[in-house]
């Protein structure tokens, strides 16, 4: 095959200088057919009528295939087979072949195995892709790991993201509810990895893979769940790429806040603001979303309740343990069964028609000594042991009171006085006792006699009755009224 400069000379001599093909072929030392060929094309080309023979490669190719099959189960992503390693093995076995030939053969085999990607069409309202990503945040001054839930509407490029403590089923369901409420509608199909929060096992039809709670979510919002092939994250490449982009654009440097909820709200606001300017197919994301919104499935009348309901046992100490954390409940619930409606941020505990909401903890104990006021009013020694925690809950003026009692009476006798005041809270209410206590402390008194007049003069509570019954007077009963029954007389 001729060089490019030779082709240029041939074309110039014939087409510019007007020399004959015979003369140019004789002067250049090439055939007349070559001259005619390069008058039609302007650069050197090789035309092969049949594949070139590669005797060295044909000799070692079967052995290379055997080595790949034999070594394949004994490799990892970092300890993988390379052309240099295969070439060294072939040389040790006596084959005569160059390392370039071996590398070229392996490169061609890899190219043939590579997947061919199909350019897809995303229609408005049709598809949303969903995934979790791990991130680092600074919550309350401490760095910690969190999980970012991301859903991306593929037509408009509109995103939703929220941060969670855990990558679990509860967070997975809650993320859907928040995202659909934020978008104001539901895409017709959603695409996932094989998350354990959604999938139990890949056996049978798709509906047989789903967990019961995820089936309930899909039924509530009427969307179709679809799943990527195992290990093929590019099947949902839109959310994969956007999840990394959000981490770099909005979570770098590491965001900080007092709570994960606060950080999540700031993240979502930043993503929505960016949607005004960020382009998707040469249009602003927000403008494309306005078009897509008309095709989203409307929201149901009420959002899906993503809370998980657990039956829990309350101990003799009026404590309940939920997911590794311990919470106190009202003391009169002790030794009973209760239902815990576990949410992402709080837990609603219901027992015998009463309800208590506590902030969800990752671990440790969350004790509220307000739940034990009746027992504390009877146990001054217990009051003394938990006085700092109890006073912190009650706030002022109880802090001033405890400081004065500890100074004048000592902690032991001061705890006895404080226990009596806790009993007064049970009888008259915390607000009434706090007002009376403030007045007494202002007067320089911190004994029970100083509180009594103010507490007992509080107005009694009245109960609303129907208008038709307001004219009736119900007299209080007296013990003497029942004497006649004891002697068998008539009223």
Protein backbone atom coordinates (compact mmCIF):
# COMPACT_ATOMS: atom_id res chain seq x y z
CA UNK A 1 0.00 0.00 0.00
CA UNK A 2 1.34 3.40 -0.99
CA UNK A 3 2.13 6.21 1.41
CA UNK A 4 0.04 9.38 1.54
CA UNK A 5 2.81 11.48 -0.09
CA UNK A 6 3.04 9.01 -2.99
CA UNK A 7 -0.72 9.19 -3.55
CA UNK A 8 -0.47 12.99 -3.64
CA UNK A 9 2.31 12.90 -6.28
CA UNK A 10 0.36 10.48 -8.50
CA UNK A 11 -2.80 12.58 -8.37
CA UNK A 12 -0.87 15.82 -9.01
CA UNK A 13 1.06 14.46 -12.02
CA UNK A 14 -2.03 13.13 -13.75
CA UNK A 15 -4.74 15.59 -12.74
CA UNK A 16 -2.71 18.81 -12.60
CA UNK A 17 0.31 18.28 -14.87
CA UNK A 18 -1.60 16.20 -17.41
CA UNK A 19 0.86 13.29 -17.61
CA UNK A 20 -0.37 9.92 -18.85
CA UNK A 21 -1.13 7.03 -16.58
CA UNK A 22 1.49 4.89 -18.34
CA UNK A 23 4.24 7.45 -17.77
CA UNK A 24 3.36 8.09 -14.12
CA UNK A 25 3.24 4.34 -13.44
CA UNK A 26 6.71 3.91 -15.05
CA UNK A 27 8.22 6.90 -13.19
CA UNK A 28 6.71 5.96 -9.79
CA UNK A 29 7.36 2.24 -10.11
CA UNK A 30 3.75 1.22 -9.52
CA UNK A 31 1.18 -0.55 -11.64
CA UNK A 32 -1.21 1.33 -13.91
CA UNK A 33 -4.09 -0.18 -11.92
CA UNK A 34 -2.73 1.51 -8.78
CA UNK A 35 -2.55 4.84 -10.58
CA UNK A 36 -6.15 4.46 -11.77
CA UNK A 37 -7.27 3.53 -8.22
CA UNK A 38 -5.73 6.62 -6.62
CA UNK A 39 -7.22 8.90 -9.23
CA UNK A 40 -10.60 7.85 -7.75
CA UNK A 41 -9.63 8.02 -4.07
CA UNK A 42 -7.52 10.68 -2.41
CA UNK A 43 -5.87 8.62 0.33
CA UNK A 44 -4.25 5.21 0.69
CA UNK A 45 -6.71 2.34 1.21
CA UNK A 46 -6.25 -1.37 1.70
CA UNK A 47 -8.76 -3.62 0.03
CA UNK A 48 -8.59 -7.18 1.25
CA UNK A 49 -10.41 -9.81 -0.74
CA UNK A 50 -9.93 -12.35 2.06
CA UNK A 51 -8.83 -12.17 5.72
CA UNK A 52 -5.12 -12.06 6.30
CA UNK A 53 -3.54 -15.24 7.54
CA UNK A 54 -2.43 -15.10 11.18
CA UNK A 55 -0.56 -18.35 11.71
CA UNK A 56 0.92 -17.42 15.11
CA UNK A 57 -2.44 -16.37 16.54
CA UNK A 58 -4.29 -19.34 15.08
CA UNK A 59 -1.78 -21.59 16.79
CA UNK A 60 -2.15 -20.10 20.30
CA UNK A 61 -5.83 -18.98 20.24
CA UNK A 62 -7.22 -22.36 21.48
CA UNK A 63 -4.74 -22.36 24.36
CA UNK A 64 -5.65 -18.77 25.30
CA UNK A 65 -9.32 -19.75 25.44
CA UNK A 66 -8.44 -22.70 27.69
CA UNK A 67 -6.50 -20.43 30.05
CA UNK A 68 -9.39 -17.94 30.25
CA UNK A 69 -11.82 -20.73 31.13
CA UNK A 70 -9.44 -22.27 33.67
CA UNK A 71 -8.44 -19.02 35.39
CA UNK A 72 -11.84 -17.32 35.23
CA UNK A 73 -13.22 -18.69 38.56
CA UNK A 74 -9.96 -17.71 40.30
CA UNK A 75 -10.05 -13.97 39.57
CA UNK A 76 -11.54 -10.82 41.09
CA UNK A 77 -12.12 -7.30 39.77
CA UNK A 78 -8.67 -6.28 41.04
CA UNK A 79 -6.90 -9.60 40.40
CA UNK A 80 -7.99 -9.97 36.79
CA UNK A 81 -6.44 -11.65 33.76
CA UNK A 82 -4.16 -9.41 31.68
CA UNK A 83 -2.49 -9.85 28.30
CA UNK A 84 0.96 -9.77 29.91
CA UNK A 85 0.08 -12.60 32.30
CA UNK A 86 -1.36 -14.77 29.50
CA UNK A 87 1.68 -14.08 27.29
CA UNK A 88 4.07 -15.11 30.08
CA UNK A 89 2.18 -18.37 30.54
CA UNK A 90 2.29 -19.11 26.82
CA UNK A 91 6.04 -18.46 26.65
CA UNK A 92 6.58 -20.77 29.64
CA UNK A 93 4.68 -23.47 27.75
CA UNK A 94 6.88 -23.06 24.68
CA UNK A 95 4.66 -21.02 22.37
CA UNK A 96 6.28 -18.41 20.13
CA UNK A 97 3.97 -15.40 20.05
CA UNK A 98 4.28 -11.69 20.72
CA UNK A 99 2.60 -9.92 23.62
CA UNK A 100 0.94 -7.49 21.17
CA UNK A 101 -0.77 -10.39 19.43
CA UNK A 102 -2.07 -11.75 22.73
CA UNK A 103 -3.34 -8.38 23.87
CA UNK A 104 -5.09 -7.81 20.55
CA UNK A 105 -6.82 -11.18 20.78
CA UNK A 106 -8.05 -10.48 24.34
CA UNK A 107 -9.19 -6.99 23.32
CA UNK A 108 -11.26 -8.40 20.45
CA UNK A 109 -12.87 -11.02 22.69
CA UNK A 110 -13.81 -8.28 25.17
CA UNK A 111 -15.29 -6.16 22.37
CA UNK A 112 -17.41 -9.07 21.14
CA UNK A 113 -18.74 -9.74 24.66
CA UNK A 114 -19.54 -6.06 25.32
CA UNK A 115 -23.20 -5.11 25.47
CA UNK A 116 -24.63 -2.88 22.76
CA UNK A 117 -26.72 -0.10 24.28
CA UNK A 118 -30.04 0.85 22.71
CA UNK A 119 -31.03 4.52 22.42
CA UNK A 120 -34.34 4.68 24.31
CA UNK A 121 -37.31 7.00 24.01
CA UNK A 122 -38.72 8.55 27.22
CA UNK A 123 -42.33 9.69 26.96
CA UNK A 124 -43.98 12.23 29.30
CA UNK A 125 -45.39 10.75 32.50
CA UNK A 126 -44.24 7.27 31.56
CA UNK A 127 -41.09 6.50 33.56
CA UNK A 128 -39.40 7.26 36.86
CA UNK A 129 -36.09 5.72 37.97
CA UNK A 130 -35.34 5.22 41.67
CA UNK A 131 -32.26 4.36 43.73
CA UNK A 132 -30.43 4.89 47.04
CA UNK A 133 -26.95 6.45 47.38
CA UNK A 134 -24.74 6.64 50.46
CA UNK A 135 -23.52 10.13 51.44
CA UNK A 136 -21.82 11.85 54.38
CA UNK A 137 -23.47 14.70 56.30
CA UNK A 138 -22.65 16.78 59.37
CA UNK A 139 -25.60 16.44 61.75
CA UNK A 140 -25.44 18.37 65.03
CA UNK A 141 -21.70 18.93 64.63
CA UNK A 142 -20.86 15.26 63.96
CA UNK A 143 -20.02 13.62 60.66
CA UNK A 144 -22.11 10.55 59.92
CA UNK A 145 -23.29 8.36 57.07
CA UNK A 146 -26.76 8.84 55.59
CA UNK A 147 -28.72 7.43 52.66
CA UNK A 148 -29.99 9.59 49.80
CA UNK A 149 -33.25 8.47 48.14
CA UNK A 150 -33.46 9.80 44.56
CA UNK A 151 -36.28 9.55 42.00
CA UNK A 152 -35.84 10.99 38.51
CA UNK A 153 -38.61 11.59 35.97
CA UNK A 154 -36.91 10.57 32.74
CA UNK A 155 -38.84 12.76 30.29
CA UNK A 156 -38.46 16.10 32.05
CA UNK A 157 -35.36 15.36 34.13
CA UNK A 158 -37.14 16.56 37.32
CA UNK A 159 -35.54 15.14 40.47
CA UNK A 160 -36.54 14.51 44.06
CA UNK A 161 -34.05 13.66 46.82
CA UNK A 162 -34.38 13.06 50.56
CA UNK A 163 -31.95 11.86 53.23
CA UNK A 164 -32.57 8.96 55.60
CA UNK A 165 -30.86 7.28 58.54
CA UNK A 166 -31.23 3.85 56.99
CA UNK A 167 -31.55 2.24 53.58
CA UNK A 168 -34.49 0.10 54.71
CA UNK A 169 -38.05 -0.69 53.71
CA UNK A 170 -39.53 2.12 55.78
CA UNK A 171 -37.30 4.75 54.16
CA UNK A 172 -37.95 3.24 50.75
CA UNK A 173 -41.73 3.55 51.13
CA UNK A 174 -41.55 6.98 52.75
CA UNK A 175 -39.39 8.26 49.89
CA UNK A 176 -42.08 7.30 47.36
CA UNK A 177 -44.79 9.06 49.34
CA UNK A 178 -42.77 12.27 49.72
CA UNK A 179 -41.70 12.26 46.06
CA UNK A 180 -45.20 11.75 44.65
CA UNK A 181 -46.58 14.48 46.91
CA UNK A 182 -43.76 16.80 45.82
CA UNK A 183 -44.36 16.14 42.10
CA UNK A 184 -48.14 16.29 42.49
CA UNK A 185 -48.54 13.10 40.47
CA UNK A 186 -47.28 9.56 39.85
CA UNK A 187 -45.35 8.16 36.83
CA UNK A 188 -46.90 5.10 35.23
CA UNK A 189 -43.77 2.95 35.60
CA UNK A 190 -40.94 2.98 38.14
CA UNK A 191 -37.61 1.23 37.63
CA UNK A 192 -35.43 -0.15 40.46
CA UNK A 193 -32.43 -2.23 41.33
CA UNK A 194 -33.24 -5.46 43.09
CA UNK A 195 -33.53 -3.72 46.48
CA UNK A 196 -34.42 -5.96 49.42
CA UNK A 197 -36.97 -3.32 50.45
CA UNK A 198 -38.94 -4.09 47.28
CA UNK A 199 -37.96 -7.60 46.25
CA UNK A 200 -38.08 -10.86 48.18
CA UNK A 201 -36.65 -13.20 45.54
CA UNK A 202 -36.51 -13.35 41.75
CA UNK A 203 -38.68 -16.41 41.14
CA UNK A 204 -41.73 -16.59 38.87
CA UNK A 205 -43.59 -13.51 37.68
CA UNK A 206 -42.62 -9.99 38.77
CA UNK A 207 -45.61 -9.78 41.13
CA UNK A 208 -44.18 -12.75 43.04
CA UNK A 209 -40.93 -10.87 43.74
CA UNK A 210 -42.51 -7.98 45.60
CA UNK A 211 -42.75 -7.57 49.36
CA UNK A 212 -46.27 -7.19 50.76
CA UNK A 213 -45.77 -3.56 51.78
CA UNK A 214 -44.40 -2.64 48.37
CA UNK A 215 -47.37 -4.35 46.72
CA UNK A 216 -49.64 -2.21 48.88
CA UNK A 217 -47.76 0.96 47.86
CA UNK A 218 -47.97 0.11 44.14
CA UNK A 219 -51.68 -0.70 44.50
CA UNK A 220 -52.35 2.57 46.34
CA UNK A 221 -50.71 4.76 43.67
CA UNK A 222 -51.42 2.42 40.72
CA UNK A 223 -47.94 2.40 39.19
CA UNK A 224 -46.12 -0.52 37.58
CA UNK A 225 -42.84 -1.59 39.27
CA UNK A 226 -40.07 -2.70 36.89
CA UNK A 227 -36.62 -4.03 37.78
CA UNK A 228 -33.18 -3.82 36.24
CA UNK A 229 -31.22 -6.97 35.49
CA UNK A 230 -29.02 -8.12 38.40
CA UNK A 231 -25.66 -6.37 38.27
CA UNK A 232 -26.67 -4.13 35.34
CA UNK A 233 -27.01 -0.69 36.94
CA UNK A 234 -26.90 1.01 33.53
CA UNK A 235 -30.42 -0.30 32.89
CA UNK A 236 -31.44 2.74 34.94
CA UNK A 237 -28.53 4.95 33.98
CA UNK A 238 -30.56 8.16 34.29
CA UNK A 239 -30.90 8.01 38.07
CA UNK A 240 -27.42 6.50 38.47
CA UNK A 241 -25.80 9.48 36.80
CA UNK A 242 -28.06 12.05 38.44
CA UNK A 243 -27.50 10.56 41.90
CA UNK A 244 -23.77 11.12 41.53
CA UNK A 245 -24.37 14.58 40.11
CA UNK A 246 -26.51 15.63 43.09
CA UNK A 247 -23.80 14.42 45.46
CA UNK A 248 -21.17 16.55 43.72
CA UNK A 249 -23.33 19.62 43.03
CA UNK A 250 -25.35 19.91 46.23
CA UNK A 251 -23.67 17.75 48.89
CA UNK A 252 -20.12 19.05 48.38
CA UNK A 253 -18.74 20.38 50.66
CA UNK A 254 -20.39 18.12 53.21
CA UNK A 255 -23.71 19.77 54.21
CA UNK A 256 -24.38 20.59 57.84
CA UNK A 257 -27.50 21.01 59.94
CA UNK A 258 -28.99 20.23 63.32
CA UNK A 259 -31.18 17.41 61.99
CA UNK A 260 -31.28 15.20 58.92
CA UNK A 261 -34.72 16.64 58.14
CA UNK A 262 -33.25 20.16 58.02
CA UNK A 263 -30.45 19.06 55.68
CA UNK A 264 -32.96 17.25 53.45
CA UNK A 265 -35.17 20.33 53.12
CA UNK A 266 -32.18 22.47 52.11
CA UNK A 267 -31.11 19.82 49.55
CA UNK A 268 -34.56 19.61 47.97
CA UNK A 269 -34.84 23.39 47.77
CA UNK A 270 -31.47 23.60 46.00
CA UNK A 271 -32.52 20.91 43.49
CA UNK A 272 -35.80 22.72 42.74
CA UNK A 273 -34.00 26.04 42.24
CA UNK A 274 -31.55 24.39 39.85
CA UNK A 275 -34.47 22.99 37.81
CA UNK A 276 -35.24 26.55 36.68
CA UNK A 277 -31.90 26.83 34.85
CA UNK A 278 -30.68 23.27 34.23
CA UNK A 279 -31.39 22.13 30.69
CA UNK A 280 -32.80 18.80 29.54
CA UNK A 281 -32.76 18.43 25.74
CA UNK A 282 -32.17 22.17 25.33
CA UNK A 283 -35.17 23.11 27.48
CA UNK A 284 -35.32 24.14 31.14
CA UNK A 285 -36.25 21.18 33.34
CA UNK A 286 -39.10 23.11 34.93
CA UNK A 287 -40.62 23.87 31.52
CA UNK A 288 -40.44 20.22 30.47
CA UNK A 289 -41.97 19.20 33.78
CA UNK A 290 -44.96 21.44 33.15
CA UNK A 291 -45.57 19.47 29.98
CA UNK A 292 -45.01 16.13 31.73
CA UNK A 293 -47.26 16.99 34.67
CA UNK A 294 -50.34 16.67 32.46
CA UNK A 295 -49.48 13.00 31.82
CA UNK A 296 -48.74 11.97 35.42
CA UNK A 297 -51.29 9.79 37.17
CA UNK A 298 -53.26 11.88 39.70
CA UNK A 299 -52.64 11.41 43.42
CA UNK A 300 -55.17 9.43 45.45
CA UNK A 301 -57.36 11.21 48.02
CA UNK A 302 -54.96 10.43 50.85
CA UNK A 303 -51.25 9.55 50.88
CA UNK A 304 -50.07 6.01 51.58
CA UNK A 305 -49.32 5.33 55.24
CA UNK A 306 -45.73 4.14 55.10
CA UNK A 307 -45.48 3.47 58.83
CA UNK A 308 -44.74 -0.06 59.99
CA UNK A 309 -47.00 -1.43 62.74
CA UNK A 310 -45.31 -3.54 65.43
CA UNK A 311 -46.83 -5.18 68.50
CA UNK A 312 -44.58 -4.34 71.45
CA UNK A 313 -44.48 -5.28 75.13
CA UNK A 314 -44.13 -2.64 77.84
CA UNK A 315 -41.93 -3.61 80.78
CA UNK A 316 -42.54 -3.15 84.52
CA UNK A 317 -40.41 -0.02 84.27
CA UNK A 318 -42.82 1.41 81.66
CA UNK A 319 -40.15 1.04 78.97
CA UNK A 320 -40.55 -0.27 75.44
CA UNK A 321 -37.75 -1.33 73.08
CA UNK A 322 -38.11 -0.65 69.35
CA UNK A 323 -35.31 -1.29 66.82
CA UNK A 324 -32.45 -1.16 69.31
CA UNK A 325 -33.65 2.00 71.09
CA UNK A 326 -35.55 2.20 74.40
CA UNK A 327 -38.37 4.67 75.10
CA UNK A 328 -40.33 5.51 78.23
CA UNK A 329 -44.14 5.54 78.18
CA UNK A 330 -46.74 6.69 80.75
CA UNK A 331 -46.27 4.69 83.94
CA UNK A 332 -49.83 3.33 83.97
CA UNK A 333 -49.08 1.47 80.70
CA UNK A 334 -46.61 -0.84 82.45
CA UNK A 335 -46.86 -4.58 81.76
CA UNK A 336 -49.27 -4.09 78.84
CA UNK A 337 -49.13 -4.69 75.10
CA UNK A 338 -49.12 -1.72 72.71
CA UNK A 339 -48.97 -1.00 69.00
CA UNK A 340 -46.01 0.97 67.68
CA UNK A 341 -46.59 2.76 64.37
CA UNK A 342 -42.96 3.23 63.34
CA UNK A 343 -42.26 6.15 61.00
CA UNK A 344 -39.06 7.53 59.55
CA UNK A 345 -38.78 10.42 62.03
CA UNK A 346 -41.12 9.48 64.89
CA UNK A 347 -43.00 6.58 66.45
CA UNK A 348 -46.66 6.68 67.45
CA UNK A 349 -47.35 4.31 70.36
CA UNK A 350 -51.00 3.44 71.08
CA UNK A 351 -52.14 1.62 74.23
CA UNK A 352 -55.75 1.23 75.36
CA UNK A 353 -56.95 4.16 73.31
CA UNK A 354 -54.19 6.53 74.46
CA UNK A 355 -51.50 7.78 72.11
CA UNK A 356 -47.89 8.88 72.61
CA UNK A 357 -45.56 10.23 69.90
CA UNK A 358 -41.80 9.99 70.43
CA UNK A 359 -38.91 11.05 68.21
CA UNK A 360 -37.30 8.00 66.60
CA UNK A 361 -33.80 7.26 67.91
CA UNK A 362 -31.03 5.30 66.22
CA UNK A 363 -29.96 3.73 69.52
CA UNK A 364 -29.73 4.39 73.27
CA UNK A 365 -32.49 5.36 75.73
CA UNK A 366 -35.04 8.17 75.55
CA UNK A 367 -36.46 8.55 79.08
CA UNK A 368 -39.05 11.21 79.95
CA UNK A 369 -39.47 11.45 83.73
CA UNK A 370 -42.78 13.25 83.27
CA UNK A 371 -44.13 9.77 82.59
CA UNK A 372 -43.30 8.77 86.21
CA UNK A 373 -44.67 11.70 88.22
CA UNK A 374 -47.07 9.57 90.31
CA UNK A 375 -44.35 7.13 91.32
CA UNK A 376 -41.84 9.92 91.93
CA UNK A 377 -44.31 11.72 94.22
CA UNK A 378 -44.22 8.62 96.43
CA UNK A 379 -40.47 7.94 96.24
CA UNK A 380 -38.32 10.88 97.42
CA UNK A 381 -35.12 8.84 97.13
CA UNK A 382 -35.85 8.22 93.43
CA UNK A 383 -36.52 11.94 93.01
CA UNK A 384 -33.08 12.67 94.41
CA UNK A 385 -31.41 10.27 91.97
CA UNK A 386 -33.09 11.65 88.85
CA UNK A 387 -33.43 15.28 89.98
CA UNK A 388 -31.12 16.82 87.29
CA UNK A 389 -32.94 15.05 84.44
CA UNK A 390 -36.39 15.74 85.92
CA UNK A 391 -35.66 19.42 86.50
CA UNK A 392 -34.32 19.76 82.94
CA UNK A 393 -37.66 18.42 81.64
CA UNK A 394 -39.85 20.57 83.90
CA UNK A 395 -37.83 23.73 83.27
CA UNK A 396 -38.27 26.89 85.30
CA UNK A 397 -39.23 27.71 87.99
CA UNK A 398 -38.44 24.14 89.12
CA UNK A 399 -34.75 24.71 88.53
CA UNK A 400 -34.78 27.66 90.96
CA UNK A 401 -36.81 25.63 93.44
CA UNK A 402 -34.43 22.66 93.43
CA UNK A 403 -31.40 24.92 93.82
CA UNK A 404 -33.03 26.66 96.82
CA UNK A 405 -34.13 23.36 98.40
CA UNK A 406 -30.69 21.79 98.00
CA UNK A 407 -29.10 24.87 99.60
CA UNK A 408 -31.47 25.26 102.58
CA UNK A 409 -32.60 21.67 103.24
CA UNK A 410 -29.95 19.52 101.60
CA UNK A 411 -30.66 17.16 98.71
CA UNK A 412 -32.23 14.42 100.85
CA UNK A 413 -34.87 16.59 102.55
CA UNK A 414 -35.19 18.80 99.48
CA UNK A 415 -36.16 15.70 97.48
CA UNK A 416 -38.98 15.05 99.99
CA UNK A 417 -40.38 18.57 99.42
CA UNK A 418 -40.03 18.21 95.64
CA UNK A 419 -41.86 14.86 95.74
CA UNK A 420 -44.81 16.55 97.47
CA UNK A 421 -44.84 19.27 94.80
CA UNK A 422 -44.91 16.56 92.11
CA UNK A 423 -48.01 15.21 93.83
CA UNK A 424 -49.55 18.67 93.62
CA UNK A 425 -48.85 18.67 89.86
CA UNK A 426 -50.87 15.48 89.55
CA UNK A 427 -53.78 16.97 91.52
CA UNK A 428 -53.87 20.50 90.14
CA UNK A 429 -51.94 20.47 86.86
CA UNK A 430 -48.45 21.58 85.92
CA UNK A 431 -49.45 25.08 84.83
CA UNK A 432 -51.25 25.91 88.09
CA UNK A 433 -48.40 24.65 90.25
CA UNK A 434 -45.81 26.48 88.13
CA UNK A 435 -47.67 29.80 88.58
CA UNK A 436 -48.04 29.26 92.32
CA UNK A 437 -44.38 28.27 92.59
CA UNK A 438 -43.22 31.35 90.71
CA UNK A 439 -45.25 33.57 93.04
CA UNK A 440 -43.87 31.84 96.15
CA UNK A 441 -40.27 32.08 94.96
CA UNK A 442 -40.75 35.75 94.15
CA UNK A 443 -41.83 36.21 97.75
CA UNK A 444 -38.76 34.34 98.97
CA UNK A 445 -40.74 31.24 100.02
CA UNK A 446 -40.12 27.70 98.85
CA UNK A 447 -42.17 25.62 101.30
CA UNK A 448 -45.42 23.78 100.72
CA UNK A 449 -47.45 26.14 102.94
CA UNK A 450 -46.57 29.01 100.61
CA UNK A 451 -47.98 27.09 97.63
CA UNK A 452 -51.24 25.90 99.16
CA UNK A 453 -53.32 29.12 98.93
CA UNK A 454 -52.41 29.76 95.31
CA UNK A 455 -52.94 26.18 94.19
CA UNK A 456 -56.27 25.58 95.93
CA UNK A 457 -57.82 28.79 94.66
CA UNK A 458 -57.53 27.70 91.03
CA UNK A 459 -60.91 27.71 89.25
CA UNK A 460 -62.56 24.37 88.82
CA UNK A 461 -62.96 22.90 85.35
CA UNK A 462 -66.38 22.95 83.73
CA UNK A 463 -67.73 20.57 81.15
CA UNK A 464 -69.88 21.70 78.25
CA UNK A 465 -73.39 20.21 78.21
CA UNK A 466 -76.11 20.28 75.55
CA UNK A 467 -78.18 23.48 75.48
CA UNK A 468 -81.38 21.56 76.31
CA UNK A 469 -79.90 20.41 79.63
CA UNK A 470 -78.55 23.74 80.85
CA UNK A 471 -81.70 24.40 82.95
CA UNK A 472 -81.31 21.32 85.08
CA UNK A 473 -79.47 21.35 88.39
CA UNK A 474 -77.85 18.14 89.63
CA UNK A 475 -77.47 18.23 93.39
CA UNK A 476 -74.53 16.60 95.05
CA UNK A 477 -75.29 13.36 96.84
CA UNK A 478 -74.90 12.96 100.63
CA UNK A 479 -74.18 9.85 102.65
CA UNK A 480 -77.30 10.51 104.78
CA UNK A 481 -79.47 10.15 101.69
CA UNK A 482 -78.68 6.45 101.65
CA UNK A 483 -79.43 5.71 105.33
CA UNK A 484 -83.01 4.92 104.43
CA UNK A 485 -81.83 2.07 102.23
CA UNK A 486 -79.87 0.56 105.09
CA UNK A 487 -82.95 0.34 107.36
CA UNK A 488 -85.20 -0.95 104.59
CA UNK A 489 -87.43 2.12 104.50
CA UNK A 490 -88.96 3.90 101.54
CA UNK A 491 -87.81 7.21 100.12
